[in-house]
Amino acid sequence: MSETISVEVARYRERDLLGKALEERGYVARPVDEIARLGFEIDCDDSAKSCDELLHEMELLVNELGTPFIPQRGDGFVFLRPPSN
């Protein structure tokens, strides 16, 4: 069964940076640029790359890339939020 994870970010820079890094690891990240939403969507399934693996890989990438954001998991989406003070 194929699922889609929606990734929402606050700025274009993070979307492009994280999207490129995920594509280098074999994921297809489709940019989304709507009025109320900025980010990308990624298909994942239970065979080669599960959604749980994708979410874990995103957490690692945020740390590797040094972006000042924390991945916040939701039901079928991830929001990259700034750290709280």
Protein backbone atom coordinates (compact mmCIF):
# COMPACT_ATOMS: atom_id res chain seq x y z
CA MET A 1 0.00 0.00 0.00
CA SER A 2 1.38 3.37 -1.00
CA GLU A 3 1.12 6.37 1.30
CA THR A 4 2.11 10.00 0.96
CA ILE A 5 3.87 12.01 3.63
CA SER A 6 3.34 15.75 3.50
CA VAL A 7 6.30 17.82 4.68
CA GLU A 8 5.61 21.44 5.58
CA VAL A 9 8.29 24.04 6.09
CA ALA A 10 8.36 27.74 6.88
CA ARG A 11 10.77 28.85 4.13
CA TYR A 12 11.74 27.91 0.58
CA ARG A 13 15.35 27.43 1.62
CA GLU A 14 14.56 24.51 3.92
CA ARG A 15 12.18 22.94 1.43
CA ASP A 16 14.76 22.99 -1.33
CA LEU A 17 17.64 21.89 0.88
CA LEU A 18 15.81 19.00 2.50
CA GLY A 19 14.06 17.98 -0.72
CA LYS A 20 17.39 17.73 -2.56
CA ALA A 21 18.97 15.71 0.25
CA LEU A 22 16.04 13.27 0.31
CA GLU A 23 16.17 12.85 -3.48
CA GLU A 24 19.88 12.00 -3.19
CA ARG A 25 18.80 9.17 -0.88
CA GLY A 26 16.29 7.78 -3.36
CA TYR A 27 13.05 9.53 -2.39
CA VAL A 28 10.93 11.52 -4.85
CA ALA A 29 10.03 14.84 -3.20
CA ARG A 30 7.37 16.78 -5.13
CA PRO A 31 7.39 20.51 -4.25
CA VAL A 32 4.12 22.01 -3.00
CA ASP A 33 3.64 25.76 -3.20
CA GLU A 34 0.09 26.69 -2.24
CA ILE A 35 -1.40 29.72 -0.52
CA ALA A 36 -1.63 28.12 2.92
CA ARG A 37 1.11 25.52 2.51
CA LEU A 38 4.79 25.35 1.57
CA GLY A 39 6.67 22.08 1.44
CA PHE A 40 6.70 18.87 -0.52
CA GLU A 41 5.06 15.48 -0.69
CA ILE A 42 6.85 12.14 -0.70
CA ASP A 43 5.44 8.74 -1.59
CA CYS A 44 6.43 5.92 0.73
CA ASP A 45 5.26 2.35 1.04
CA ASP A 46 5.80 -0.78 3.07
CA SER A 47 8.32 -2.36 0.69
CA ALA A 48 11.60 -0.59 -0.04
CA LYS A 49 11.20 2.66 1.89
CA SER A 50 8.52 2.73 4.56
CA CYS A 51 7.00 5.92 5.92
CA ASP A 52 8.60 5.28 9.32
CA GLU A 53 12.01 4.99 7.66
CA LEU A 54 11.36 8.21 5.79
CA LEU A 55 10.43 10.09 8.95
CA HIS A 56 13.52 8.79 10.74
CA GLU A 57 15.73 9.74 7.80
CA MET A 58 14.29 13.25 7.82
CA GLU A 59 15.23 13.65 11.49
CA LEU A 60 18.79 12.60 10.68
CA LEU A 61 18.99 14.92 7.66
CA VAL A 62 17.87 17.96 9.63
CA ASN A 63 20.74 17.32 12.04
CA GLU A 64 23.27 16.62 9.26
CA LEU A 65 22.32 19.72 7.29
CA GLY A 66 22.48 21.92 10.36
CA THR A 67 19.09 23.50 9.77
CA PRO A 68 17.62 25.19 12.84
CA PHE A 69 14.40 23.18 12.77
CA ILE A 70 12.85 20.32 14.67
CA PRO A 71 10.80 17.73 12.75
CA GLN A 72 7.36 17.52 14.36
CA ARG A 73 5.51 14.34 13.38
CA GLY A 74 1.79 14.30 12.79
CA ASP A 75 -0.65 11.83 11.27
CA GLY A 76 0.57 11.66 7.67
CA PHE A 77 2.70 14.80 7.79
CA VAL A 78 5.86 16.32 9.17
CA PHE A 79 6.21 20.00 10.04
CA LEU A 80 9.68 21.48 10.38
CA ARG A 81 9.26 23.97 13.19
CA PRO A 82 11.77 26.36 14.73
CA PRO A 83 12.98 25.46 18.22
CA SER A 84 11.09 27.09 21.08
CA ASN A 85 12.81 29.59 23.33
